[in-house]
Amino acid sequence: MFRKFFVLTLCVLVLLGMVCVVYGEESEQTPQFAPPARMKYAKSTSVTLDRKGESAVISARIIGDAGKTTKLKGKCILQKFSNGKWNYVDSWSESTNARILPINKKRKVSGGTYRVHAVFHAYAGDKVETITDNSGKVKF
């Protein structure tokens, strides 16, 4: 009996001796959602869609980087969500050689969920940077 107990204890000690602890060095990991890269020729963009009665009020703006930006272009596309996708409703385009390009429009809409998809182009001489921005969804 003592012999079986001794052999069993010895087997348990051998198995426990096989357990090893591994220590690793911490490494810097890339974040899952990296922040957007800094714009080269523009300071900022903004796009909003507001509801005013039965109308959609679109406000979009791009601000060029002083000393770099030579021209700004922008296009706002009003879209309505139906049948599981965003469908074209209307669009507006503007351009300027100034440092700020505002696009402000108002359009009567019917019920549903809408958004504005904006595409901006900031020029520095013959170089161009394209920036896209979307408004939040608004239900009418």
C-alpha atoms as a PDB file:
ATOM      1  CA  MET A   1       0.000   0.000   0.000  1.00  0.00           C
ATOM      2  CA  PHE A   2       2.822   2.358   0.967  1.00  0.00           C
ATOM      3  CA  ARG A   3       4.564   1.527  -2.285  1.00  0.00           C
ATOM      4  CA  LYS A   4       1.498   2.476  -4.411  1.00  0.00           C
ATOM      5  CA  PHE A   5       1.159   5.760  -2.504  1.00  0.00           C
ATOM      6  CA  PHE A   6       4.850   6.509  -3.050  1.00  0.00           C
ATOM      7  CA  VAL A   7       4.652   5.772  -6.814  1.00  0.00           C
ATOM      8  CA  LEU A   8       1.459   7.858  -7.176  1.00  0.00           C
ATOM      9  CA  THR A   9       3.050  10.799  -5.313  1.00  0.00           C
ATOM     10  CA  LEU A  10       6.175  10.514  -7.459  1.00  0.00           C
ATOM     11  CA  CYS A  11       4.059  10.549 -10.672  1.00  0.00           C
ATOM     12  CA  VAL A  12       2.193  13.670  -9.510  1.00  0.00           C
ATOM     13  CA  LEU A  13       5.478  15.438  -8.723  1.00  0.00           C
ATOM     14  CA  VAL A  14       6.898  14.523 -12.131  1.00  0.00           C
ATOM     15  CA  LEU A  15       3.752  15.846 -13.866  1.00  0.00           C
ATOM     16  CA  LEU A  16       3.885  19.066 -11.850  1.00  0.00           C
ATOM     17  CA  GLY A  17       7.537  19.439 -12.796  1.00  0.00           C
ATOM     18  CA  MET A  18       6.529  19.463 -16.462  1.00  0.00           C
ATOM     19  CA  VAL A  19       4.476  22.621 -15.994  1.00  0.00           C
ATOM     20  CA  CYS A  20       6.537  25.570 -17.032  1.00  0.00           C
ATOM     21  CA  VAL A  21       5.850  29.254 -16.823  1.00  0.00           C
ATOM     22  CA  VAL A  22       6.632  31.350 -19.867  1.00  0.00           C
ATOM     23  CA  TYR A  23       7.394  35.032 -19.546  1.00  0.00           C
ATOM     24  CA  GLY A  24       7.161  37.221 -22.611  1.00  0.00           C
ATOM     25  CA  GLU A  25       8.229  40.714 -23.371  1.00  0.00           C
ATOM     26  CA  GLU A  26       5.439  43.203 -24.029  1.00  0.00           C
ATOM     27  CA  SER A  27       5.383  44.545 -27.549  1.00  0.00           C
ATOM     28  CA  GLU A  28       3.730  47.604 -28.981  1.00  0.00           C
ATOM     29  CA  GLN A  29       0.701  46.589 -31.031  1.00  0.00           C
ATOM     30  CA  THR A  30      -1.011  48.543 -33.775  1.00  0.00           C
ATOM     31  CA  PRO A  31      -4.400  49.769 -32.564  1.00  0.00           C
ATOM     32  CA  GLN A  32      -7.377  48.059 -34.161  1.00  0.00           C
ATOM     33  CA  PHE A  33      -8.843  51.378 -35.293  1.00  0.00           C
ATOM     34  CA  ALA A  34      -6.057  53.722 -36.282  1.00  0.00           C
ATOM     35  CA  PRO A  35      -6.892  57.434 -36.372  1.00  0.00           C
ATOM     36  CA  PRO A  36      -7.198  58.940 -39.850  1.00  0.00           C
ATOM     37  CA  ALA A  37      -4.027  60.253 -41.399  1.00  0.00           C
ATOM     38  CA  ARG A  38      -3.478  64.001 -41.249  1.00  0.00           C
ATOM     39  CA  MET A  39      -4.691  65.818 -44.318  1.00  0.00           C
ATOM     40  CA  LYS A  40      -1.943  67.250 -46.500  1.00  0.00           C
ATOM     41  CA  TYR A  41      -3.605  70.318 -48.018  1.00  0.00           C
ATOM     42  CA  ALA A  42      -6.707  70.843 -45.872  1.00  0.00           C
ATOM     43  CA  LYS A  43      -7.144  71.759 -42.209  1.00  0.00           C
ATOM     44  CA  SER A  44     -10.612  70.287 -41.690  1.00  0.00           C
ATOM     45  CA  THR A  45     -13.891  69.194 -43.215  1.00  0.00           C
ATOM     46  CA  SER A  46     -17.403  69.038 -41.842  1.00  0.00           C
ATOM     47  CA  VAL A  47     -20.705  67.754 -43.173  1.00  0.00           C
ATOM     48  CA  THR A  48     -24.079  68.056 -41.463  1.00  0.00           C
ATOM     49  CA  LEU A  49     -27.628  67.254 -42.410  1.00  0.00           C
ATOM     50  CA  ASP A  50     -30.422  68.847 -40.433  1.00  0.00           C
ATOM     51  CA  ARG A  51     -34.172  68.694 -40.619  1.00  0.00           C
ATOM     52  CA  LYS A  52     -36.188  71.874 -40.925  1.00  0.00           C
ATOM     53  CA  GLY A  53     -39.859  71.058 -41.392  1.00  0.00           C
ATOM     54  CA  GLU A  54     -40.118  68.992 -44.567  1.00  0.00           C
ATOM     55  CA  SER A  55     -36.736  70.137 -45.832  1.00  0.00           C
ATOM     56  CA  ALA A  56     -33.238  68.710 -45.581  1.00  0.00           C
ATOM     57  CA  VAL A  57     -30.652  71.381 -44.790  1.00  0.00           C
ATOM     58  CA  ILE A  58     -27.180  70.443 -46.017  1.00  0.00           C
ATOM     59  CA  SER A  59     -24.091  72.202 -44.646  1.00  0.00           C
ATOM     60  CA  ALA A  60     -20.636  71.151 -45.776  1.00  0.00           C
ATOM     61  CA  ARG A  61     -17.318  72.913 -45.499  1.00  0.00           C
ATOM     62  CA  ILE A  62     -13.655  72.370 -46.189  1.00  0.00           C
ATOM     63  CA  ILE A  63     -10.943  74.657 -44.865  1.00  0.00           C
ATOM     64  CA  GLY A  64      -7.686  74.712 -46.785  1.00  0.00           C
ATOM     65  CA  ASP A  65      -4.266  74.814 -45.179  1.00  0.00           C
ATOM     66  CA  ALA A  66      -2.946  78.398 -45.310  1.00  0.00           C
ATOM     67  CA  GLY A  67       0.155  78.670 -47.460  1.00  0.00           C
ATOM     68  CA  LYS A  68      -0.441  75.309 -49.172  1.00  0.00           C
ATOM     69  CA  THR A  69      -3.959  75.183 -50.601  1.00  0.00           C
ATOM     70  CA  THR A  70      -4.479  76.879 -53.972  1.00  0.00           C
ATOM     71  CA  LYS A  71      -7.965  75.619 -54.864  1.00  0.00           C
ATOM     72  CA  LEU A  72     -10.853  73.777 -53.206  1.00  0.00           C
ATOM     73  CA  LYS A  73     -13.631  71.735 -54.803  1.00  0.00           C
ATOM     74  CA  GLY A  74     -16.541  70.019 -53.138  1.00  0.00           C
ATOM     75  CA  LYS A  75     -19.524  67.884 -54.085  1.00  0.00           C
ATOM     76  CA  CYS A  76     -22.391  66.952 -51.758  1.00  0.00           C
ATOM     77  CA  ILE A  77     -24.633  64.043 -52.653  1.00  0.00           C
ATOM     78  CA  LEU A  78     -27.965  63.707 -50.843  1.00  0.00           C
ATOM     79  CA  GLN A  79     -28.923  60.046 -50.502  1.00  0.00           C
ATOM     80  CA  LYS A  80     -32.045  58.241 -49.267  1.00  0.00           C
ATOM     81  CA  PHE A  81     -31.958  54.788 -47.694  1.00  0.00           C
ATOM     82  CA  SER A  82     -34.401  52.362 -49.300  1.00  0.00           C
ATOM     83  CA  ASN A  83     -34.401  48.675 -50.208  1.00  0.00           C
ATOM     84  CA  GLY A  84     -31.234  48.149 -48.134  1.00  0.00           C
ATOM     85  CA  LYS A  85     -29.045  50.668 -49.966  1.00  0.00           C
ATOM     86  CA  TRP A  86     -28.319  54.391 -50.283  1.00  0.00           C
ATOM     87  CA  ASN A  87     -29.889  55.873 -53.406  1.00  0.00           C
ATOM     88  CA  TYR A  88     -29.078  59.158 -55.166  1.00  0.00           C
ATOM     89  CA  VAL A  89     -31.528  62.040 -54.606  1.00  0.00           C
ATOM     90  CA  ASP A  90     -29.647  65.220 -55.594  1.00  0.00           C
ATOM     91  CA  SER A  91     -26.141  66.702 -55.688  1.00  0.00           C
ATOM     92  CA  TRP A  92     -24.414  70.089 -55.583  1.00  0.00           C
ATOM     93  CA  SER A  93     -20.873  71.099 -56.544  1.00  0.00           C
ATOM     94  CA  GLU A  94     -18.866  74.191 -55.697  1.00  0.00           C
ATOM     95  CA  SER A  95     -15.266  75.349 -56.114  1.00  0.00           C
ATOM     96  CA  THR A  96     -13.158  78.300 -55.026  1.00  0.00           C
ATOM     97  CA  ASN A  97      -9.630  79.647 -54.990  1.00  0.00           C
ATOM     98  CA  ALA A  98     -10.218  80.922 -51.444  1.00  0.00           C
ATOM     99  CA  ARG A  99      -9.167  79.083 -48.280  1.00  0.00           C
ATOM    100  CA  ILE A 100     -12.708  78.164 -47.188  1.00  0.00           C
ATOM    101  CA  LEU A 101     -15.342  76.447 -49.316  1.00  0.00           C
ATOM    102  CA  PRO A 102     -18.849  76.352 -47.833  1.00  0.00           C
ATOM    103  CA  ILE A 103     -21.704  74.417 -49.447  1.00  0.00           C
ATOM    104  CA  ASN A 104     -25.125  75.216 -47.988  1.00  0.00           C
ATOM    105  CA  LYS A 105     -28.265  73.854 -49.635  1.00  0.00           C
ATOM    106  CA  LYS A 106     -31.874  73.188 -48.727  1.00  0.00           C
ATOM    107  CA  ARG A 107     -34.136  70.645 -50.432  1.00  0.00           C
ATOM    108  CA  LYS A 108     -37.664  69.470 -49.773  1.00  0.00           C
ATOM    109  CA  VAL A 109     -37.758  65.718 -49.063  1.00  0.00           C
ATOM    110  CA  SER A 110     -40.368  63.074 -48.362  1.00  0.00           C
ATOM    111  CA  GLY A 111     -40.350  60.680 -45.416  1.00  0.00           C
ATOM    112  CA  GLY A 112     -37.456  58.313 -44.947  1.00  0.00           C
ATOM    113  CA  THR A 113     -33.835  58.243 -43.787  1.00  0.00           C
ATOM    114  CA  TYR A 114     -31.324  60.511 -45.515  1.00  0.00           C
ATOM    115  CA  ARG A 115     -27.597  61.254 -45.383  1.00  0.00           C
ATOM    116  CA  VAL A 116     -25.100  63.456 -47.217  1.00  0.00           C
ATOM    117  CA  HIS A 117     -21.964  62.009 -48.765  1.00  0.00           C
ATOM    118  CA  ALA A 118     -19.375  64.694 -49.521  1.00  0.00           C
ATOM    119  CA  VAL A 119     -16.245  64.463 -51.650  1.00  0.00           C
ATOM    120  CA  PHE A 120     -13.723  67.284 -51.311  1.00  0.00           C
ATOM    121  CA  HIS A 121     -10.595  68.001 -53.359  1.00  0.00           C
ATOM    122  CA  ALA A 122      -7.855  70.220 -51.932  1.00  0.00           C
ATOM    123  CA  TYR A 123      -5.250  71.382 -54.439  1.00  0.00           C
ATOM    124  CA  ALA A 124      -1.716  72.578 -53.835  1.00  0.00           C
ATOM    125  CA  GLY A 125      -0.586  73.641 -57.280  1.00  0.00           C
ATOM    126  CA  ASP A 126      -0.863  70.539 -59.472  1.00  0.00           C
ATOM    127  CA  LYS A 127      -1.064  68.148 -56.491  1.00  0.00           C
ATOM    128  CA  VAL A 128      -4.487  67.112 -55.221  1.00  0.00           C
ATOM    129  CA  GLU A 129      -5.829  65.414 -52.117  1.00  0.00           C
ATOM    130  CA  THR A 130      -9.274  63.775 -52.053  1.00  0.00           C
ATOM    131  CA  ILE A 131     -11.194  63.670 -48.784  1.00  0.00           C
ATOM    132  CA  THR A 132     -14.578  62.015 -48.234  1.00  0.00           C
ATOM    133  CA  ASP A 133     -16.892  62.807 -45.361  1.00  0.00           C
ATOM    134  CA  ASN A 134     -20.417  61.697 -44.456  1.00  0.00           C
ATOM    135  CA  SER A 135     -23.120  63.286 -42.369  1.00  0.00           C
ATOM    136  CA  GLY A 136     -25.085  61.401 -39.803  1.00  0.00           C
ATOM    137  CA  LYS A 137     -28.372  59.846 -40.856  1.00  0.00           C
ATOM    138  CA  VAL A 138     -31.532  61.904 -40.377  1.00  0.00           C
ATOM    139  CA  LYS A 139     -35.032  60.462 -40.380  1.00  0.00           C
ATOM    140  CA  PHE A 140     -37.816  62.562 -41.936  1.00  0.00           C
END
